[in-house]
Amino acid sequence: MDETGEWKLAPGYDLTFSSGPSGEQSTMVMGEGRDPKTCHLVKLGQGSKLTKKLIDEIIDQTKSSLAHWTGLAQKHNISKTNIKLITNAINASN
């Protein structure tokens, strides 16, 4: 969303995994790029006027989906190196 409240599609690199330079992510969450945590996502959701219940549901749904990462990655021929890299990042965020 821009400063006028208008939504626009994000560039593709904002939607994919990136370890970024020096461990920084492509997209920061509430100013945190190196190690965004659930608390940053909650703060972001609250700033967007989402209810705590909805924020928690979205986070839970996302975690549930991430639990299927390895199988989906293998099915879609993601390299073993990238599967391991992304799996480690997912596990570090829990």
PDB file of N, CA and C in Angstrom:
ATOM      1  N   MET A   1       0.852  -1.156   0.000  1.00  0.00           N
ATOM      2  CA  MET A   1       0.000   0.000   0.000  1.00  0.00           C
ATOM      3  C   MET A   1       0.905   1.229   0.000  1.00  0.00           C
ATOM      4  N   ASP A   2       0.573   2.203  -0.841  1.00  0.00           N
ATOM      5  CA  ASP A   2       1.376   3.418  -0.861  1.00  0.00           C
ATOM      6  C   ASP A   2       0.856   4.427   0.160  1.00  0.00           C
ATOM      7  N   GLU A   3       1.492   5.580   0.196  1.00  0.00           N
ATOM      8  CA  GLU A   3       1.149   6.593   1.198  1.00  0.00           C
ATOM      9  C   GLU A   3      -0.268   7.154   1.066  1.00  0.00           C
ATOM     10  N   THR A   4      -0.912   6.941  -0.085  1.00  0.00           N
ATOM     11  CA  THR A   4      -2.288   7.410  -0.264  1.00  0.00           C
ATOM     12  C   THR A   4      -3.312   6.321   0.048  1.00  0.00           C
ATOM     13  N   GLY A   5      -2.823   5.136   0.427  1.00  0.00           N
ATOM     14  CA  GLY A   5      -3.728   4.042   0.760  1.00  0.00           C
ATOM     15  C   GLY A   5      -4.074   3.157  -0.424  1.00  0.00           C
ATOM     16  N   GLU A   6      -3.415   3.368  -1.551  1.00  0.00           N
ATOM     17  CA  GLU A   6      -3.699   2.571  -2.744  1.00  0.00           C
ATOM     18  C   GLU A   6      -2.803   1.334  -2.776  1.00  0.00           C
ATOM     19  N   TRP A   7      -3.431   0.180  -3.046  1.00  0.00           N
ATOM     20  CA  TRP A   7      -2.690  -1.084  -3.103  1.00  0.00           C
ATOM     21  C   TRP A   7      -2.161  -1.311  -4.510  1.00  0.00           C
ATOM     22  N   LYS A   8      -0.951  -1.836  -4.601  1.00  0.00           N
ATOM     23  CA  LYS A   8      -0.348  -2.209  -5.878  1.00  0.00           C
ATOM     24  C   LYS A   8       0.331  -3.557  -5.691  1.00  0.00           C
ATOM     25  N   LEU A   9       0.445  -4.302  -6.780  1.00  0.00           N
ATOM     26  CA  LEU A   9       1.126  -5.596  -6.713  1.00  0.00           C
ATOM     27  C   LEU A   9       2.601  -5.391  -6.382  1.00  0.00           C
ATOM     28  N   ALA A  10       3.126  -6.276  -5.557  1.00  0.00           N
ATOM     29  CA  ALA A  10       4.538  -6.228  -5.201  1.00  0.00           C
ATOM     30  C   ALA A  10       5.366  -6.844  -6.313  1.00  0.00           C
ATOM     31  N   PRO A  11       6.601  -6.382  -6.474  1.00  0.00           N
ATOM     32  CA  PRO A  11       7.487  -7.063  -7.437  1.00  0.00           C
ATOM     33  C   PRO A  11       7.685  -8.514  -7.014  1.00  0.00           C
ATOM     34  N   GLY A  12       7.943  -9.374  -7.965  1.00  0.00           N
ATOM     35  CA  GLY A  12       8.110 -10.792  -7.682  1.00  0.00           C
ATOM     36  C   GLY A  12       9.157 -11.090  -6.629  1.00  0.00           C
ATOM     37  N   TYR A  13      10.217 -10.294  -6.570  1.00  0.00           N
ATOM     38  CA  TYR A  13      11.261 -10.595  -5.586  1.00  0.00           C
ATOM     39  C   TYR A  13      10.774 -10.386  -4.157  1.00  0.00           C
ATOM     40  N   ASP A  14       9.698  -9.672  -3.970  1.00  0.00           N
ATOM     41  CA  ASP A  14       9.130  -9.507  -2.635  1.00  0.00           C
ATOM     42  C   ASP A  14       8.316 -10.732  -2.210  1.00  0.00           C
ATOM     43  N   LEU A  15       8.061 -11.629  -3.131  1.00  0.00           N
ATOM     44  CA  LEU A  15       7.205 -12.773  -2.855  1.00  0.00           C
ATOM     45  C   LEU A  15       7.976 -14.085  -2.774  1.00  0.00           C
ATOM     46  N   THR A  16       9.249 -14.030  -2.991  1.00  0.00           N
ATOM     47  CA  THR A  16      10.054 -15.242  -2.995  1.00  0.00           C
ATOM     48  C   THR A  16      11.100 -15.182  -1.886  1.00  0.00           C
ATOM     49  N   PHE A  17      11.658 -16.334  -1.571  1.00  0.00           N
ATOM     50  CA  PHE A  17      12.693 -16.403  -0.546  1.00  0.00           C
ATOM     51  C   PHE A  17      13.956 -15.711  -1.030  1.00  0.00           C
ATOM     52  N   SER A  18      14.569 -14.974  -0.143  1.00  0.00           N
ATOM     53  CA  SER A  18      15.864 -14.359  -0.432  1.00  0.00           C
ATOM     54  C   SER A  18      16.626 -14.237   0.865  1.00  0.00           C
ATOM     55  N   SER A  19      17.831 -14.778   0.870  1.00  0.00           N
ATOM     56  CA  SER A  19      18.651 -14.611   2.071  1.00  0.00           C
ATOM     57  C   SER A  19      19.254 -13.224   2.099  1.00  0.00           C
ATOM     58  N   GLY A  20      19.261 -12.531   0.974  1.00  0.00           N
ATOM     59  CA  GLY A  20      19.710 -11.149   0.902  1.00  0.00           C
ATOM     60  C   GLY A  20      21.157 -10.940   1.294  1.00  0.00           C
ATOM     61  N   PRO A  21      21.659  -9.727   1.050  1.00  0.00           N
ATOM     62  CA  PRO A  21      23.042  -9.422   1.419  1.00  0.00           C
ATOM     63  C   PRO A  21      23.198  -9.374   2.935  1.00  0.00           C
ATOM     64  N   SER A  22      24.197 -10.013   3.430  1.00  0.00           N
ATOM     65  CA  SER A  22      24.494 -10.038   4.878  1.00  0.00           C
ATOM     66  C   SER A  22      23.324 -10.534   5.709  1.00  0.00           C
ATOM     67  N   GLY A  23      22.484 -11.397   5.131  1.00  0.00           N
ATOM     68  CA  GLY A  23      21.369 -11.977   5.866  1.00  0.00           C
ATOM     69  C   GLY A  23      20.117 -11.130   5.908  1.00  0.00           C
ATOM     70  N   GLU A  24      20.138  -9.946   5.308  1.00  0.00           N
ATOM     71  CA  GLU A  24      18.946  -9.100   5.284  1.00  0.00           C
ATOM     72  C   GLU A  24      17.952  -9.652   4.279  1.00  0.00           C
ATOM     73  N   GLN A  25      16.678  -9.586   4.616  1.00  0.00           N
ATOM     74  CA  GLN A  25      15.622 -10.024   3.712  1.00  0.00           C
ATOM     75  C   GLN A  25      15.340  -8.932   2.690  1.00  0.00           C
ATOM     76  N   SER A  26      14.659  -9.291   1.592  1.00  0.00           N
ATOM     77  CA  SER A  26      14.285  -8.305   0.579  1.00  0.00           C
ATOM     78  C   SER A  26      13.284  -7.311   1.138  1.00  0.00           C
ATOM     79  N   THR A  27      12.427  -7.799   2.020  1.00  0.00           N
ATOM     80  CA  THR A  27      11.371  -6.966   2.573  1.00  0.00           C
ATOM     81  C   THR A  27      11.517  -6.924   4.086  1.00  0.00           C
ATOM     82  N   MET A  28      11.456  -5.714   4.637  1.00  0.00           N
ATOM     83  CA  MET A  28      11.525  -5.575   6.089  1.00  0.00           C
ATOM     84  C   MET A  28      10.109  -5.618   6.658  1.00  0.00           C
ATOM     85  N   VAL A  29      10.002  -6.053   7.904  1.00  0.00           N
ATOM     86  CA  VAL A  29       8.731  -6.087   8.614  1.00  0.00           C
ATOM     87  C   VAL A  29       8.876  -5.181   9.832  1.00  0.00           C
ATOM     88  N   MET A  30       8.170  -4.087   9.815  1.00  0.00           N
ATOM     89  CA  MET A  30       8.225  -3.117  10.915  1.00  0.00           C
ATOM     90  C   MET A  30       9.673  -2.712  11.206  1.00  0.00           C
ATOM     91  N   GLY A  31      10.444  -2.491  10.145  1.00  0.00           N
ATOM     92  CA  GLY A  31      11.818  -2.044  10.271  1.00  0.00           C
ATOM     93  C   GLY A  31      12.832  -3.149  10.510  1.00  0.00           C
ATOM     94  N   GLU A  32      12.381  -4.394  10.636  1.00  0.00           N
ATOM     95  CA  GLU A  32      13.283  -5.514  10.906  1.00  0.00           C
ATOM     96  C   GLU A  32      13.505  -6.325   9.633  1.00  0.00           C
ATOM     97  N   GLY A  33      14.738  -6.352   9.144  1.00  0.00           N
ATOM     98  CA  GLY A  33      15.052  -7.102   7.935  1.00  0.00           C
ATOM     99  C   GLY A  33      15.900  -8.325   8.198  1.00  0.00           C
ATOM    100  N   ARG A  34      16.713  -8.290   9.225  1.00  0.00           N
ATOM    101  CA  ARG A  34      17.622  -9.401   9.486  1.00  0.00           C
ATOM    102  C   ARG A  34      16.913 -10.583  10.140  1.00  0.00           C
ATOM    103  N   ASP A  35      16.033 -10.315  11.088  1.00  0.00           N
ATOM    104  CA  ASP A  35      15.435 -11.412  11.847  1.00  0.00           C
ATOM    105  C   ASP A  35      13.996 -11.077  12.256  1.00  0.00           C
ATOM    106  N   PRO A  36      13.099 -10.892  11.269  1.00  0.00           N
ATOM    107  CA  PRO A  36      11.716 -10.574  11.642  1.00  0.00           C
ATOM    108  C   PRO A  36      11.077 -11.740  12.391  1.00  0.00           C
ATOM    109  N   LYS A  37      10.365 -11.432  13.425  1.00  0.00           N
ATOM    110  CA  LYS A  37       9.720 -12.426  14.291  1.00  0.00           C
ATOM    111  C   LYS A  37       8.203 -12.249  14.225  1.00  0.00           C
ATOM    112  N   THR A  38       7.512 -13.169  14.874  1.00  0.00           N
ATOM    113  CA  THR A  38       6.053 -13.104  14.934  1.00  0.00           C
ATOM    114  C   THR A  38       5.589 -11.785  15.537  1.00  0.00           C
ATOM    115  N   CYS A  39       6.316 -11.275  16.529  1.00  0.00           N
ATOM    116  CA  CYS A  39       5.906 -10.013  17.160  1.00  0.00           C
ATOM    117  C   CYS A  39       5.895  -8.865  16.155  1.00  0.00           C
ATOM    118  N   HIS A  40       6.797  -8.899  15.176  1.00  0.00           N
ATOM    119  CA  HIS A  40       6.807  -7.861  14.140  1.00  0.00           C
ATOM    120  C   HIS A  40       5.570  -7.987  13.245  1.00  0.00           C
ATOM    121  N   LEU A  41       5.210  -9.231  12.937  1.00  0.00           N
ATOM    122  CA  LEU A  41       4.020  -9.453  12.107  1.00  0.00           C
ATOM    123  C   LEU A  41       2.751  -9.026  12.838  1.00  0.00           C
ATOM    124  N   VAL A  42       2.694  -9.315  14.131  1.00  0.00           N
ATOM    125  CA  VAL A  42       1.532  -8.915  14.931  1.00  0.00           C
ATOM    126  C   VAL A  42       1.425  -7.392  14.948  1.00  0.00           C
ATOM    127  N   LYS A  43       2.544  -6.728  15.163  1.00  0.00           N
ATOM    128  CA  LYS A  43       2.550  -5.263  15.192  1.00  0.00           C
ATOM    129  C   LYS A  43       2.115  -4.688  13.840  1.00  0.00           C
ATOM    130  N   LEU A  44       2.579  -5.308  12.760  1.00  0.00           N
ATOM    131  CA  LEU A  44       2.182  -4.888  11.416  1.00  0.00           C
ATOM    132  C   LEU A  44       0.676  -5.047  11.228  1.00  0.00           C
ATOM    133  N   GLY A  45       0.153  -6.194  11.635  1.00  0.00           N
ATOM    134  CA  GLY A  45      -1.288  -6.434  11.515  1.00  0.00           C
ATOM    135  C   GLY A  45      -2.106  -5.460  12.336  1.00  0.00           C
ATOM    136  N   GLN A  46      -1.666  -5.196  13.552  1.00  0.00           N
ATOM    137  CA  GLN A  46      -2.382  -4.245  14.410  1.00  0.00           C
ATOM    138  C   GLN A  46      -2.343  -2.844  13.813  1.00  0.00           C
ATOM    139  N   GLY A  47      -1.207  -2.484  13.215  1.00  0.00           N
ATOM    140  CA  GLY A  47      -1.097  -1.178  12.554  1.00  0.00           C
ATOM    141  C   GLY A  47      -2.009  -1.062  11.347  1.00  0.00           C
ATOM    142  N   SER A  48      -2.374  -2.215  10.786  1.00  0.00           N
ATOM    143  CA  SER A  48      -3.303  -2.252   9.643  1.00  0.00           C
ATOM    144  C   SER A  48      -4.745  -2.433  10.102  1.00  0.00           C
ATOM    145  N   LYS A  49      -4.939  -2.353  11.408  1.00  0.00           N
ATOM    146  CA  LYS A  49      -6.261  -2.430  12.039  1.00  0.00           C
ATOM    147  C   LYS A  49      -6.918  -3.803  11.907  1.00  0.00           C
ATOM    148  N   LEU A  50      -6.084  -4.860  11.842  1.00  0.00           N
ATOM    149  CA  LEU A  50      -6.615  -6.217  11.865  1.00  0.00           C
ATOM    150  C   LEU A  50      -6.807  -6.625  13.321  1.00  0.00           C
ATOM    151  N   THR A  51      -7.781  -7.485  13.567  1.00  0.00           N
ATOM    152  CA  THR A  51      -7.993  -7.962  14.927  1.00  0.00           C
ATOM    153  C   THR A  51      -6.890  -8.941  15.298  1.00  0.00           C
ATOM    154  N   LYS A  52      -6.613  -9.048  16.576  1.00  0.00           N
ATOM    155  CA  LYS A  52      -5.596  -9.994  17.055  1.00  0.00           C
ATOM    156  C   LYS A  52      -5.986 -11.416  16.662  1.00  0.00           C
ATOM    157  N   LYS A  53      -7.289 -11.710  16.717  1.00  0.00           N
ATOM    158  CA  LYS A  53      -7.768 -13.040  16.335  1.00  0.00           C
ATOM    159  C   LYS A  53      -7.429 -13.341  14.874  1.00  0.00           C
ATOM    160  N   LEU A  54      -7.679 -12.384  13.983  1.00  0.00           N
ATOM    161  CA  LEU A  54      -7.395 -12.588  12.571  1.00  0.00           C
ATOM    162  C   LEU A  54      -5.887 -12.705  12.336  1.00  0.00           C
ATOM    163  N   ILE A  55      -5.116 -11.879  12.996  1.00  0.00           N
ATOM    164  CA  ILE A  55      -3.657 -11.943  12.872  1.00  0.00           C
ATOM    165  C   ILE A  55      -3.172 -13.332  13.271  1.00  0.00           C
ATOM    166  N   ASP A  56      -3.633 -13.825  14.411  1.00  0.00           N
ATOM    167  CA  ASP A  56      -3.224 -15.146  14.884  1.00  0.00           C
ATOM    168  C   ASP A  56      -3.648 -16.245  13.908  1.00  0.00           C
ATOM    169  N   GLU A  57      -4.844 -16.129  13.339  1.00  0.00           N
ATOM    170  CA  GLU A  57      -5.316 -17.122  12.372  1.00  0.00           C
ATOM    171  C   GLU A  57      -4.428 -17.139  11.130  1.00  0.00           C
ATOM    172  N   ILE A  58      -4.068 -15.969  10.642  1.00  0.00           N
ATOM    173  CA  ILE A  58      -3.223 -15.876   9.441  1.00  0.00           C
ATOM    174  C   ILE A  58      -1.847 -16.465   9.721  1.00  0.00           C
ATOM    175  N   ILE A  59      -1.279 -16.143  10.868  1.00  0.00           N
ATOM    176  CA  ILE A  59       0.038 -16.676  11.232  1.00  0.00           C
ATOM    177  C   ILE A  59      -0.035 -18.193  11.373  1.00  0.00           C
ATOM    178  N   ASP A  60      -1.080 -18.702  12.010  1.00  0.00           N
ATOM    179  CA  ASP A  60      -1.240 -20.156  12.163  1.00  0.00           C
ATOM    180  C   ASP A  60      -1.402 -20.849  10.815  1.00  0.00           C
ATOM    181  N   GLN A  61      -2.184 -20.255   9.910  1.00  0.00           N
ATOM    182  CA  GLN A  61      -2.370 -20.829   8.576  1.00  0.00           C
ATOM    183  C   GLN A  61      -1.052 -20.859   7.810  1.00  0.00           C
ATOM    184  N   THR A  62      -0.278 -19.804   7.952  1.00  0.00           N
ATOM    185  CA  THR A  62       1.013 -19.737   7.269  1.00  0.00           C
ATOM    186  C   THR A  62       1.961 -20.795   7.809  1.00  0.00           C
ATOM    187  N   LYS A  63       2.027 -20.931   9.133  1.00  0.00           N
ATOM    188  CA  LYS A  63       2.888 -21.958   9.729  1.00  0.00           C
ATOM    189  C   LYS A  63       2.459 -23.349   9.292  1.00  0.00           C
ATOM    190  N   SER A  64       1.161 -23.582   9.216  1.00  0.00           N
ATOM    191  CA  SER A  64       0.649 -24.873   8.781  1.00  0.00           C
ATOM    192  C   SER A  64       1.060 -25.151   7.332  1.00  0.00           C
ATOM    193  N   SER A  65       0.969 -24.145   6.486  1.00  0.00           N
ATOM    194  CA  SER A  65       1.367 -24.305   5.086  1.00  0.00           C
ATOM    195  C   SER A  65       2.858 -24.568   4.963  1.00  0.00           C
ATOM    196  N   LEU A  66       3.660 -23.877   5.769  1.00  0.00           N
ATOM    197  CA  LEU A  66       5.114 -24.058   5.716  1.00  0.00           C
ATOM    198  C   LEU A  66       5.532 -25.462   6.135  1.00  0.00           C
ATOM    199  N   ALA A  67       4.688 -26.126   6.897  1.00  0.00           N
ATOM    200  CA  ALA A  67       4.993 -27.492   7.310  1.00  0.00           C
ATOM    201  C   ALA A  67       5.049 -28.436   6.112  1.00  0.00           C
ATOM    202  N   HIS A  68       4.471 -28.036   4.986  1.00  0.00           N
ATOM    203  CA  HIS A  68       4.447 -28.855   3.772  1.00  0.00           C
ATOM    204  C   HIS A  68       5.552 -28.472   2.790  1.00  0.00           C
ATOM    205  N   TRP A  69       6.428 -27.559   3.188  1.00  0.00           N
ATOM    206  CA  TRP A  69       7.441 -27.010   2.288  1.00  0.00           C
ATOM    207  C   TRP A  69       8.304 -28.086   1.613  1.00  0.00           C
ATOM    208  N   THR A  70       8.880 -28.965   2.372  1.00  0.00           N
ATOM    209  CA  THR A  70       9.833 -29.922   1.805  1.00  0.00           C
ATOM    210  C   THR A  70       9.187 -30.787   0.721  1.00  0.00           C
ATOM    211  N   GLY A  71       8.015 -31.323   1.011  1.00  0.00           N
ATOM    212  CA  GLY A  71       7.329 -32.157   0.032  1.00  0.00           C
ATOM    213  C   GLY A  71       6.979 -31.405  -1.238  1.00  0.00           C
ATOM    214  N   LEU A  72       6.486 -30.188  -1.079  1.00  0.00           N
ATOM    215  CA  LEU A  72       6.142 -29.375  -2.254  1.00  0.00           C
ATOM    216  C   LEU A  72       7.385 -29.010  -3.053  1.00  0.00           C
ATOM    217  N   ALA A  73       8.444 -28.676  -2.354  1.00  0.00           N
ATOM    218  CA  ALA A  73       9.684 -28.301  -3.035  1.00  0.00           C
ATOM    219  C   ALA A  73      10.222 -29.469  -3.856  1.00  0.00           C
ATOM    220  N   GLN A  74      10.210 -30.656  -3.267  1.00  0.00           N
ATOM    221  CA  GLN A  74      10.680 -31.837  -3.993  1.00  0.00           C
ATOM    222  C   GLN A  74       9.795 -32.103  -5.204  1.00  0.00           C
ATOM    223  N   LYS A  75       8.498 -31.979  -5.030  1.00  0.00           N
ATOM    224  CA  LYS A  75       7.546 -32.213  -6.125  1.00  0.00           C
ATOM    225  C   LYS A  75       7.798 -31.269  -7.296  1.00  0.00           C
ATOM    226  N   HIS A  76       8.248 -30.048  -6.989  1.00  0.00           N
ATOM    227  CA  HIS A  76       8.452 -29.038  -8.033  1.00  0.00           C
ATOM    228  C   HIS A  76       9.924 -28.872  -8.405  1.00  0.00           C
ATOM    229  N   ASN A  77      10.702 -29.898  -8.084  1.00  0.00           N
ATOM    230  CA  ASN A  77      12.104 -29.978  -8.516  1.00  0.00           C
ATOM    231  C   ASN A  77      12.984 -28.818  -8.042  1.00  0.00           C
ATOM    232  N   ILE A  78      12.740 -28.354  -6.831  1.00  0.00           N
ATOM    233  CA  ILE A  78      13.625 -27.358  -6.229  1.00  0.00           C
ATOM    234  C   ILE A  78      14.912 -28.077  -5.858  1.00  0.00           C
ATOM    235  N   SER A  79      16.031 -27.422  -6.053  1.00  0.00           N
ATOM    236  CA  SER A  79      17.307 -28.081  -5.768  1.00  0.00           C
ATOM    237  C   SER A  79      17.427 -28.428  -4.283  1.00  0.00           C
ATOM    238  N   LYS A  80      18.175 -29.501  -4.005  1.00  0.00           N
ATOM    239  CA  LYS A  80      18.379 -29.917  -2.615  1.00  0.00           C
ATOM    240  C   LYS A  80      19.045 -28.803  -1.806  1.00  0.00           C
ATOM    241  N   THR A  81      19.937 -28.070  -2.442  1.00  0.00           N
ATOM    242  CA  THR A  81      20.618 -26.958  -1.752  1.00  0.00           C
ATOM    243  C   THR A  81      19.614 -25.900  -1.316  1.00  0.00           C
ATOM    244  N   ASN A  82      18.704 -25.528  -2.213  1.00  0.00           N
ATOM    245  CA  ASN A  82      17.703 -24.512  -1.865  1.00  0.00           C
ATOM    246  C   ASN A  82      16.679 -25.034  -0.862  1.00  0.00           C
ATOM    247  N   ILE A  83      16.327 -26.300  -0.985  1.00  0.00           N
ATOM    248  CA  ILE A  83      15.404 -26.886  -0.002  1.00  0.00           C
ATOM    249  C   ILE A  83      16.017 -26.789   1.391  1.00  0.00           C
ATOM    250  N   LYS A  84      17.286 -27.155   1.496  1.00  0.00           N
ATOM    251  CA  LYS A  84      17.958 -27.102   2.799  1.00  0.00           C
ATOM    252  C   LYS A  84      18.069 -25.663   3.304  1.00  0.00           C
ATOM    253  N   LEU A  85      18.451 -24.730   2.437  1.00  0.00           N
ATOM    254  CA  LEU A  85      18.595 -23.321   2.807  1.00  0.00           C
ATOM    255  C   LEU A  85      17.273 -22.765   3.345  1.00  0.00           C
ATOM    256  N   ILE A  86      16.202 -23.020   2.623  1.00  0.00           N
ATOM    257  CA  ILE A  86      14.894 -22.487   3.007  1.00  0.00           C
ATOM    258  C   ILE A  86      14.351 -23.213   4.227  1.00  0.00           C
ATOM    259  N   THR A  87      14.560 -24.517   4.303  1.00  0.00           N
ATOM    260  CA  THR A  87      14.127 -25.278   5.493  1.00  0.00           C
ATOM    261  C   THR A  87      14.814 -24.738   6.744  1.00  0.00           C
ATOM    262  N   ASN A  88      16.105 -24.467   6.647  1.00  0.00           N
ATOM    263  CA  ASN A  88      16.824 -23.909   7.792  1.00  0.00           C
ATOM    264  C   ASN A  88      16.263 -22.549   8.189  1.00  0.00           C
ATOM    265  N   ALA A  89      15.913 -21.725   7.208  1.00  0.00           N
ATOM    266  CA  ALA A  89      15.332 -20.408   7.509  1.00  0.00           C
ATOM    267  C   ALA A  89      13.959 -20.556   8.160  1.00  0.00           C
ATOM    268  N   ILE A  90      13.158 -21.487   7.687  1.00  0.00           N
ATOM    269  CA  ILE A  90      11.836 -21.725   8.280  1.00  0.00           C
ATOM    270  C   ILE A  90      11.993 -22.190   9.718  1.00  0.00           C
ATOM    271  N   ASN A  91      12.882 -23.138   9.934  1.00  0.00           N
ATOM    272  CA  ASN A  91      13.084 -23.674  11.281  1.00  0.00           C
ATOM    273  C   ASN A  91      13.645 -22.627  12.241  1.00  0.00           C
ATOM    274  N   ALA A  92      14.477 -21.736  11.741  1.00  0.00           N
ATOM    275  CA  ALA A  92      15.056 -20.686  12.588  1.00  0.00           C
ATOM    276  C   ALA A  92      14.016 -19.671  13.017  1.00  0.00           C
ATOM    277  N   SER A  93      12.944 -19.541  12.237  1.00  0.00           N
ATOM    278  CA  SER A  93      11.923 -18.540  12.557  1.00  0.00           C
ATOM    279  C   SER A  93      10.905 -19.053  13.559  1.00  0.00           C
ATOM    280  N   ASN A  94      10.920 -20.329  13.863  1.00  0.00           N
ATOM    281  CA  ASN A  94       9.943 -20.904  14.797  1.00  0.00           C
ATOM    282  C   ASN A  94      10.337 -20.695  16.226  1.00  0.00           C
TER     283      ASN A  94
END
